[in-house]
Amino acid sequence: MANEHVIELAQRVRHFVERQILPREAELGRCDAAAARLSAELQAQAKAAGVFGNFYPVADGGRLARLSDYLEVAAEEGRSEFAPAILGCDATLDCHMLARHANPSLRERVYLPLVRGEQVPCYAMSEPDSIGSIPATLNSRAQWQGDHWRLTARKWFICRAERADFATVIARTDEGPLQTGLSMLVVPCNSPGFRFVRPLALLGRQQGQGELHLEAVRVEPDQVLGAPGQGLMLMQQRLGLGRLLRAAHWLGLARRCFDDLCARVHSARGAQARLADKQLVRARVYRCYREIAAARGLLREAAATFDRGQASAIEVNLAKLAASDALSLAVDSAIQIMGAEGLSELSPLSGIYRGARTTHILDGTDDALISTLGRDLLQATRPGRAFDVLTPSVPSPAKEAP
């Protein structure tokens, strides 16, 4: 049960999103200079209203210490696909990674401006000629040149690439084992040799993705996040928290679509068509609610284990997949009930629909995660191992094999 502080903050976020962001989504969706100015204006208003950076580290201005508490607030932030950028949520993962692993120099030059909302981050991992789910195939290289690294990389489908102030770049810094061969390098986007190549539309819609090219970029020793060779470990940390943060916002958007679906059923037009009396409409309402409720439960369980420091890939990946499915079903059902209007620019659903489809690719494709989940579950249930399906992250005493 959420405490009063969490409930009050969630209500303030909902009020801000409903009053300030939802009425202006059409303007924000144009992805032009005017939209960028509007987003900046709304971000300033969010800071003044005390709803910016809600899950940043508490020591540096964040309002919530536990991911379990943040889920209630994230559900309200996620009601608009534009709210996470305006409310500073897009920087939450980078804030936590920098808070944990930044050296004093990075803390002063990058982390503190980030939590103040003065900088925009991006995370540069995916590459045109590598397999995103297989880090061993990364081609980016940073070579040691006596007193600095020289970084060459080509990255694409990078969120916020065009407007970012700095990029956290994954690159090979050692040709030895993968466990010690990758590093995370924090690189200002105005560095010589750092170039934004082009935006990359997703399903014909600009969603902030882009391509970057880094040619012989100088990287100082104090621009390494953590220590050289810790890249793989840091990537795994990012993936776990990042998938849960995204899933929390997707679930908020799914709940909005469900609300819109039900509002149409109860509207004058819905009554005219007797939508509430139709069995297929009732079935859609049921299925949407079931998927949202199931995803919410899985996300809560994953967040609870994360807060205890026990979160496993099973819980994290399951919650991510469930939230993605819930959003896709909810927006598809809402469009079906709305009819042609739901496909048009008269409704935000067409944009949400395209965004929902990308959730099955972002932060790990469904196919890769399902395959990984199946493997992990089979390993956990091998003869001689004790596995509790309700608490997969809690070790159980081993039993003797029959």
Protein backbone atom coordinates (compact mmCIF):
# COMPACT_ATOMS: atom_id res chain seq x y z
CA MET A 1 0.00 0.00 0.00
CA ALA A 2 1.44 3.36 -1.04
CA ASN A 3 2.04 5.86 1.75
CA GLU A 4 0.55 9.35 1.86
CA HIS A 5 3.69 11.00 0.43
CA VAL A 6 3.65 8.71 -2.60
CA ILE A 7 -0.08 9.18 -3.16
CA GLU A 8 0.20 12.96 -2.90
CA LEU A 9 3.11 13.08 -5.34
CA ALA A 10 1.32 10.77 -7.79
CA GLN A 11 -1.74 13.04 -7.66
CA ARG A 12 0.37 16.13 -8.35
CA VAL A 13 2.04 14.41 -11.30
CA ARG A 14 -1.33 13.33 -12.68
CA HIS A 15 -2.68 16.87 -12.34
CA PHE A 16 0.33 18.29 -14.19
CA VAL A 17 0.18 15.70 -16.98
CA GLU A 18 -3.59 16.09 -17.43
CA ARG A 19 -3.59 19.88 -17.34
CA GLN A 20 -0.29 20.83 -18.96
CA ILE A 21 0.84 18.00 -21.26
CA LEU A 22 -2.16 16.09 -22.62
CA PRO A 23 -3.83 19.17 -24.16
CA ARG A 24 -0.63 19.94 -26.08
CA GLU A 25 0.36 16.50 -27.32
CA ALA A 26 -0.43 17.37 -30.93
CA GLU A 27 2.07 20.25 -30.78
CA LEU A 28 4.69 18.15 -29.00
CA GLY A 29 4.33 15.38 -31.59
CA ARG A 30 5.46 17.58 -34.48
CA CYS A 31 9.13 17.13 -33.52
CA ASP A 32 10.16 20.58 -34.79
CA ALA A 33 11.80 23.62 -33.23
CA ALA A 34 8.48 24.83 -31.85
CA ALA A 35 7.90 21.46 -30.19
CA ALA A 36 11.37 21.61 -28.63
CA ARG A 37 10.67 25.08 -27.23
CA LEU A 38 7.32 23.95 -25.84
CA SER A 39 8.93 20.91 -24.22
CA ALA A 40 11.53 23.16 -22.56
CA GLU A 41 8.80 25.51 -21.30
CA LEU A 42 6.82 22.64 -19.85
CA GLN A 43 9.95 21.22 -18.23
CA ALA A 44 10.53 24.56 -16.48
CA GLN A 45 6.93 24.45 -15.27
CA ALA A 46 7.42 20.89 -14.01
CA LYS A 47 10.44 21.97 -11.98
CA ALA A 48 8.45 24.86 -10.49
CA ALA A 49 5.59 22.50 -9.67
CA GLY A 50 7.91 20.04 -7.91
CA VAL A 51 7.22 17.11 -10.23
CA PHE A 52 10.58 16.93 -12.03
CA GLY A 53 13.15 14.18 -11.40
CA ASN A 54 10.94 12.22 -9.02
CA PHE A 55 13.11 9.09 -8.95
CA TYR A 56 16.50 10.73 -9.08
CA PRO A 57 18.84 9.74 -6.22
CA VAL A 58 17.34 11.16 -3.02
CA ALA A 59 20.69 12.57 -1.89
CA ASP A 60 20.65 14.88 -4.90
CA GLY A 61 17.04 16.03 -5.05
CA GLY A 62 14.98 12.93 -5.84
CA ARG A 63 11.73 12.42 -3.95
CA LEU A 64 11.49 8.64 -3.70
CA ALA A 65 14.08 6.14 -2.53
CA ARG A 66 12.34 2.88 -3.45
CA LEU A 67 11.41 1.68 -6.91
CA SER A 68 8.30 0.09 -5.39
CA ASP A 69 7.04 3.55 -4.37
CA TYR A 70 7.98 5.10 -7.68
CA LEU A 71 5.71 2.73 -9.60
CA GLU A 72 2.65 4.71 -8.46
CA VAL A 73 4.18 7.96 -9.69
CA ALA A 74 5.56 6.42 -12.89
CA ALA A 75 2.06 5.26 -13.83
CA GLU A 76 0.99 8.91 -13.88
CA GLU A 77 4.13 10.08 -15.70
CA GLY A 78 3.50 7.44 -18.35
CA ARG A 79 -0.02 8.64 -19.24
CA SER A 80 1.55 10.74 -21.99
CA GLU A 81 4.31 9.45 -24.25
CA PHE A 82 5.83 12.96 -24.03
CA ALA A 83 5.77 13.27 -20.24
CA PRO A 84 8.92 11.25 -19.44
CA ALA A 85 11.10 13.73 -21.34
CA ILE A 86 9.36 16.77 -19.85
CA LEU A 87 9.44 15.44 -16.27
CA GLY A 88 13.09 14.42 -16.49
CA CYS A 89 12.34 10.68 -16.39
CA ASP A 90 14.47 10.05 -19.48
CA ALA A 91 17.55 10.88 -17.40
CA THR A 92 16.64 8.75 -14.38
CA LEU A 93 18.68 5.71 -15.39
CA ASP A 94 21.78 7.80 -16.21
CA CYS A 95 21.41 9.63 -12.89
CA HIS A 96 21.47 6.37 -10.94
CA MET A 97 24.39 4.97 -12.92
CA LEU A 98 26.42 8.14 -12.48
CA ALA A 99 25.52 8.41 -8.79
CA ARG A 100 26.88 4.90 -8.24
CA HIS A 101 29.91 4.91 -10.51
CA ALA A 102 31.02 8.45 -11.44
CA ASN A 103 34.40 9.65 -10.27
CA PRO A 104 34.60 13.14 -8.67
CA SER A 105 35.33 14.80 -12.02
CA LEU A 106 32.33 13.21 -13.77
CA ARG A 107 30.16 14.00 -10.79
CA GLU A 108 30.92 17.71 -11.03
CA ARG A 109 30.93 18.07 -14.82
CA VAL A 110 28.13 15.66 -15.79
CA TYR A 111 26.12 14.22 -12.92
CA LEU A 112 25.21 17.35 -10.96
CA PRO A 113 24.16 19.32 -14.09
CA LEU A 114 22.11 16.27 -15.11
CA VAL A 115 20.09 16.11 -11.88
CA ARG A 116 19.48 19.86 -12.17
CA GLY A 117 17.96 19.27 -15.60
CA GLU A 118 20.68 21.22 -17.38
CA GLN A 119 21.92 18.39 -19.59
CA VAL A 120 20.40 15.67 -21.76
CA PRO A 121 22.00 12.19 -21.83
CA CYS A 122 22.06 9.44 -24.41
CA TYR A 123 23.28 5.86 -24.22
CA ALA A 124 25.24 4.65 -27.24
CA MET A 125 25.35 0.87 -27.48
CA SER A 126 23.62 -0.42 -30.66
CA GLU A 127 25.67 -0.57 -33.86
CA PRO A 128 24.84 -1.16 -37.53
CA ASP A 129 27.19 -4.12 -37.92
CA SER A 130 26.72 -5.89 -34.59
CA ILE A 131 24.01 -7.85 -32.80
CA GLY A 132 22.49 -5.77 -30.02
CA SER A 133 21.87 -8.74 -27.75
CA ILE A 134 25.42 -10.09 -28.20
CA PRO A 135 27.99 -7.67 -26.68
CA ALA A 136 30.85 -9.73 -28.10
CA THR A 137 29.93 -8.49 -31.59
CA LEU A 138 30.45 -4.78 -30.78
CA ASN A 139 32.92 -3.13 -33.13
CA SER A 140 33.58 0.16 -31.32
CA ARG A 141 37.17 0.48 -30.15
CA ALA A 142 38.99 2.77 -27.74
CA GLN A 143 42.77 2.47 -27.90
CA TRP A 144 45.09 3.73 -25.18
CA GLN A 145 47.43 6.44 -26.48
CA GLY A 146 49.78 6.97 -23.53
CA ASP A 147 47.66 9.41 -21.50
CA HIS A 148 44.20 9.15 -23.09
CA TRP A 149 41.88 6.90 -25.07
CA ARG A 150 41.19 7.34 -28.78
CA LEU A 151 37.64 6.26 -29.50
CA THR A 152 36.21 5.26 -32.86
CA ALA A 153 32.61 4.10 -33.05
CA ARG A 154 29.47 4.08 -35.14
CA LYS A 155 26.23 3.85 -33.17
CA TRP A 156 22.62 3.91 -34.30
CA PHE A 157 19.04 3.89 -33.00
CA ILE A 158 20.26 5.96 -30.07
CA CYS A 159 17.53 7.69 -28.05
CA ARG A 160 17.90 11.50 -27.79
CA ALA A 161 20.98 11.37 -30.05
CA GLU A 162 20.35 14.71 -31.76
CA ARG A 163 19.74 16.78 -28.63
CA ALA A 164 22.04 15.06 -26.14
CA ASP A 165 24.82 16.92 -24.33
CA PHE A 166 26.79 13.77 -23.59
CA ALA A 167 26.79 10.11 -24.55
CA THR A 168 27.71 7.07 -22.50
CA VAL A 169 29.45 4.96 -25.13
CA ILE A 170 30.13 1.22 -24.91
CA ALA A 171 33.43 0.28 -26.55
CA ARG A 172 36.16 -2.34 -26.50
CA THR A 173 39.14 -1.14 -24.48
CA ASP A 174 40.86 -4.52 -24.27
CA GLU A 175 40.95 -7.45 -26.68
CA GLY A 176 40.92 -9.98 -23.85
CA PRO A 177 37.87 -11.76 -22.38
CA LEU A 178 34.55 -9.98 -22.81
CA GLN A 179 34.08 -9.80 -19.03
CA THR A 180 37.01 -7.37 -18.80
CA GLY A 181 37.21 -6.09 -22.37
CA LEU A 182 34.39 -3.50 -22.47
CA SER A 183 34.21 -0.06 -20.88
CA MET A 184 31.69 2.76 -20.56
CA LEU A 185 33.06 6.11 -21.72
CA VAL A 186 31.23 9.37 -20.96
CA VAL A 187 31.78 11.61 -23.99
CA PRO A 188 30.56 15.21 -24.47
CA CYS A 189 28.69 15.47 -27.77
CA ASN A 190 30.63 18.61 -28.73
CA SER A 191 33.94 16.72 -28.64
CA PRO A 192 36.08 16.99 -31.80
CA GLY A 193 35.30 13.98 -33.99
CA PHE A 194 31.83 13.43 -32.46
CA ARG A 195 29.12 13.80 -35.13
CA PHE A 196 25.38 13.38 -35.28
CA VAL A 197 24.76 11.68 -38.62
CA ARG A 198 20.99 11.56 -39.10
CA PRO A 199 17.65 10.98 -37.38
CA LEU A 200 16.12 7.53 -37.75
CA ALA A 201 12.33 7.31 -37.88
CA LEU A 202 10.55 4.36 -36.30
CA LEU A 203 7.49 3.15 -38.22
CA GLY A 204 7.57 6.39 -40.19
CA ARG A 205 7.52 8.55 -37.06
CA GLN A 206 10.31 10.55 -35.47
CA GLN A 207 10.73 9.35 -31.89
CA GLY A 208 14.13 10.84 -31.09
CA GLN A 209 16.29 8.00 -32.42
CA GLY A 210 19.43 8.80 -34.37
CA GLU A 211 22.82 7.69 -35.66
CA LEU A 212 26.19 8.84 -34.28
CA HIS A 213 29.71 8.64 -35.69
CA LEU A 214 32.78 9.07 -33.49
CA GLU A 215 36.12 9.31 -35.30
CA ALA A 216 39.31 9.33 -33.21
CA VAL A 217 37.58 11.12 -30.31
CA ARG A 218 39.90 11.92 -27.42
CA VAL A 219 38.66 10.48 -24.13
CA GLU A 220 40.48 11.36 -20.92
CA PRO A 221 41.02 8.77 -18.16
CA ASP A 222 38.49 10.51 -15.91
CA GLN A 223 35.76 10.07 -18.56
CA VAL A 224 35.55 6.34 -17.83
CA LEU A 225 32.45 5.37 -15.84
CA GLY A 226 33.51 3.07 -13.05
CA ALA A 227 36.82 1.54 -14.12
CA PRO A 228 38.16 0.30 -17.45
CA GLY A 229 36.93 -3.23 -18.11
CA GLN A 230 33.71 -2.91 -16.09
CA GLY A 231 31.54 -2.21 -19.13
CA LEU A 232 29.75 -5.58 -19.24
CA MET A 233 28.87 -5.44 -15.55
CA LEU A 234 27.59 -1.87 -15.90
CA MET A 235 25.55 -2.82 -18.98
CA GLN A 236 23.81 -5.52 -16.96
CA GLN A 237 23.04 -3.02 -14.21
CA ARG A 238 21.57 -0.59 -16.72
CA LEU A 239 19.43 -3.23 -18.38
CA GLY A 240 17.77 -4.37 -15.17
CA LEU A 241 16.73 -0.96 -13.87
CA GLY A 242 16.15 0.43 -17.36
CA ARG A 243 13.68 -2.30 -18.32
CA LEU A 244 11.70 -1.77 -15.11
CA LEU A 245 11.59 2.01 -15.55
CA ARG A 246 10.35 1.67 -19.12
CA ALA A 247 7.80 -0.96 -18.15
CA ALA A 248 6.40 1.32 -15.44
CA HIS A 249 5.78 4.10 -17.97
CA TRP A 250 4.36 1.70 -20.57
CA LEU A 251 1.89 0.46 -17.99
CA GLY A 252 0.79 4.02 -17.31
CA LEU A 253 0.15 4.52 -21.02
CA ALA A 254 -1.77 1.22 -21.14
CA ARG A 255 -4.01 2.43 -18.32
CA ARG A 256 -4.71 5.62 -20.23
CA CYS A 257 -5.73 3.64 -23.32
CA PHE A 258 -8.00 1.48 -21.16
CA ASP A 259 -9.58 4.63 -19.71
CA ASP A 260 -10.13 6.02 -23.21
CA LEU A 261 -11.67 2.75 -24.37
CA CYS A 262 -14.14 2.71 -21.47
CA ALA A 263 -14.92 6.41 -21.91
CA ARG A 264 -15.91 5.77 -25.52
CA VAL A 265 -18.14 2.86 -24.50
CA HIS A 266 -19.91 5.10 -21.94
CA SER A 267 -20.13 8.13 -24.27
CA ALA A 268 -23.24 9.27 -26.12
CA ARG A 269 -21.88 7.69 -29.30
CA GLY A 270 -21.14 4.48 -27.44
CA ALA A 271 -24.66 4.41 -26.04
CA GLN A 272 -26.06 5.02 -29.52
CA ALA A 273 -24.17 1.98 -30.78
CA ARG A 274 -25.07 0.02 -27.61
CA LEU A 275 -21.36 -0.84 -27.19
CA ALA A 276 -21.74 -1.85 -23.56
CA ASP A 277 -24.22 -4.56 -24.58
CA LYS A 278 -21.94 -6.21 -27.13
CA GLN A 279 -20.14 -9.34 -25.96
CA LEU A 280 -17.01 -8.68 -28.01
CA VAL A 281 -16.69 -5.22 -26.47
CA ARG A 282 -17.04 -6.69 -23.00
CA ALA A 283 -14.42 -9.29 -23.88
CA ARG A 284 -11.99 -6.57 -24.97
CA VAL A 285 -12.53 -4.68 -21.72
CA TYR A 286 -11.93 -7.87 -19.75
CA ARG A 287 -8.76 -8.84 -21.63
CA CYS A 288 -7.27 -5.36 -21.37
CA TYR A 289 -7.96 -5.18 -17.65
CA ARG A 290 -6.55 -8.66 -17.10
CA GLU A 291 -3.30 -7.89 -18.96
CA ILE A 292 -2.84 -4.57 -17.16
CA ALA A 293 -3.53 -6.11 -13.75
CA ALA A 294 -1.18 -9.02 -14.44
CA ALA A 295 1.60 -6.72 -15.65
CA ARG A 296 1.11 -4.48 -12.63
CA GLY A 297 1.50 -7.43 -10.29
CA LEU A 298 4.63 -8.67 -12.06
CA LEU A 299 6.12 -5.18 -12.05
CA ARG A 300 5.43 -4.75 -8.34
CA GLU A 301 7.11 -8.07 -7.58
CA ALA A 302 10.14 -7.20 -9.69
CA ALA A 303 10.40 -3.77 -8.05
CA ALA A 304 10.20 -5.28 -4.58
CA THR A 305 13.02 -7.70 -5.32
CA PHE A 306 15.02 -4.87 -6.91
CA ASP A 307 14.65 -2.81 -3.73
CA ARG A 308 15.92 -5.79 -1.72
CA GLY A 309 18.88 -6.18 -4.06
CA GLN A 310 17.62 -9.60 -5.22
CA ALA A 311 16.06 -8.88 -8.61
CA SER A 312 16.74 -11.62 -11.12
CA ALA A 313 16.56 -11.55 -14.89
CA ILE A 314 13.48 -13.77 -14.66
CA GLU A 315 11.41 -11.17 -12.81
CA VAL A 316 12.77 -8.17 -14.71
CA ASN A 317 12.31 -9.65 -18.18
CA LEU A 318 8.89 -11.06 -17.36
CA ALA A 319 7.69 -7.66 -16.13
CA LYS A 320 9.05 -5.91 -19.22
CA LEU A 321 7.36 -8.36 -21.59
CA ALA A 322 4.05 -8.19 -19.70
CA ALA A 323 3.96 -4.38 -19.71
CA SER A 324 4.72 -4.32 -23.43
CA ASP A 325 1.92 -6.81 -24.14
CA ALA A 326 -0.53 -4.90 -21.95
CA LEU A 327 0.16 -1.63 -23.74
CA SER A 328 -0.12 -3.18 -27.20
CA LEU A 329 -3.41 -4.88 -26.38
CA ALA A 330 -4.88 -1.79 -24.71
CA VAL A 331 -4.08 0.62 -27.54
CA ASP A 332 -5.18 -1.86 -30.22
CA SER A 333 -8.47 -2.43 -28.42
CA ALA A 334 -9.04 1.29 -27.91
CA ILE A 335 -8.49 1.89 -31.63
CA GLN A 336 -10.89 -0.91 -32.51
CA ILE A 337 -13.61 0.61 -30.35
CA MET A 338 -12.92 4.15 -31.64
CA GLY A 339 -13.01 3.04 -35.26
CA ALA A 340 -11.56 5.27 -38.00
CA GLU A 341 -11.21 8.13 -35.52
CA GLY A 342 -8.69 6.08 -33.58
CA LEU A 343 -6.55 5.72 -36.69
CA SER A 344 -6.60 9.44 -37.46
CA GLU A 345 -4.87 12.55 -36.16
CA LEU A 346 -8.07 13.34 -34.26
CA SER A 347 -6.88 10.87 -31.62
CA PRO A 348 -3.47 10.28 -29.98
CA LEU A 349 -3.99 6.54 -30.33
CA SER A 350 -2.29 6.18 -33.72
CA GLY A 351 0.96 7.62 -32.30
CA ILE A 352 0.66 5.51 -29.17
CA TYR A 353 0.07 2.44 -31.35
CA ARG A 354 3.32 2.95 -33.24
CA GLY A 355 5.16 3.59 -30.00
CA ALA A 356 3.65 0.44 -28.50
CA ARG A 357 5.01 -1.65 -31.35
CA THR A 358 8.53 -0.39 -30.67
CA THR A 359 8.32 -1.65 -27.08
CA HIS A 360 8.64 -5.19 -28.42
CA ILE A 361 12.10 -4.24 -29.76
CA LEU A 362 13.48 -1.62 -27.35
CA ASP A 363 15.65 -2.77 -24.42
CA GLY A 364 15.72 -6.31 -25.74
CA THR A 365 13.50 -7.88 -28.37
CA ASP A 366 10.62 -10.10 -27.30
CA ASP A 367 12.18 -13.11 -29.05
CA ALA A 368 15.52 -12.67 -27.29
CA LEU A 369 13.96 -12.14 -23.86
CA ILE A 370 11.53 -15.05 -24.21
CA SER A 371 14.39 -17.33 -25.26
CA THR A 372 16.46 -16.13 -22.30
CA LEU A 373 13.55 -16.62 -19.91
CA GLY A 374 12.96 -20.15 -21.15
CA ARG A 375 16.64 -21.00 -20.74
CA ASP A 376 16.80 -19.51 -17.23
CA LEU A 377 13.65 -21.29 -16.11
CA LEU A 378 14.90 -24.64 -17.43
CA GLN A 379 18.23 -24.14 -15.68
CA ALA A 380 16.48 -23.19 -12.44
CA THR A 381 14.27 -26.29 -12.53
CA ARG A 382 16.92 -28.88 -13.32
CA PRO A 383 16.98 -32.01 -11.14
CA GLY A 384 18.61 -31.30 -7.82
CA ARG A 385 17.57 -27.65 -7.75
CA ALA A 386 14.77 -26.16 -5.69
CA PHE A 387 12.70 -23.58 -7.53
CA ASP A 388 9.70 -21.66 -6.20
CA VAL A 389 7.69 -20.35 -9.13
CA LEU A 390 6.24 -17.56 -6.96
CA THR A 391 9.59 -16.29 -5.67
CA PRO A 392 12.20 -17.13 -8.33
CA SER A 393 14.76 -14.65 -7.01
CA VAL A 394 14.85 -16.12 -3.47
CA PRO A 395 17.30 -19.03 -3.20
CA SER A 396 15.72 -22.21 -1.87
CA PRO A 397 17.56 -25.06 -0.19
CA ALA A 398 18.81 -27.51 -2.77
CA LYS A 399 17.16 -30.91 -2.81
CA GLU A 400 18.85 -34.11 -3.60
CA ALA A 401 18.35 -35.37 -7.12
CA PRO A 402 16.13 -38.47 -7.31
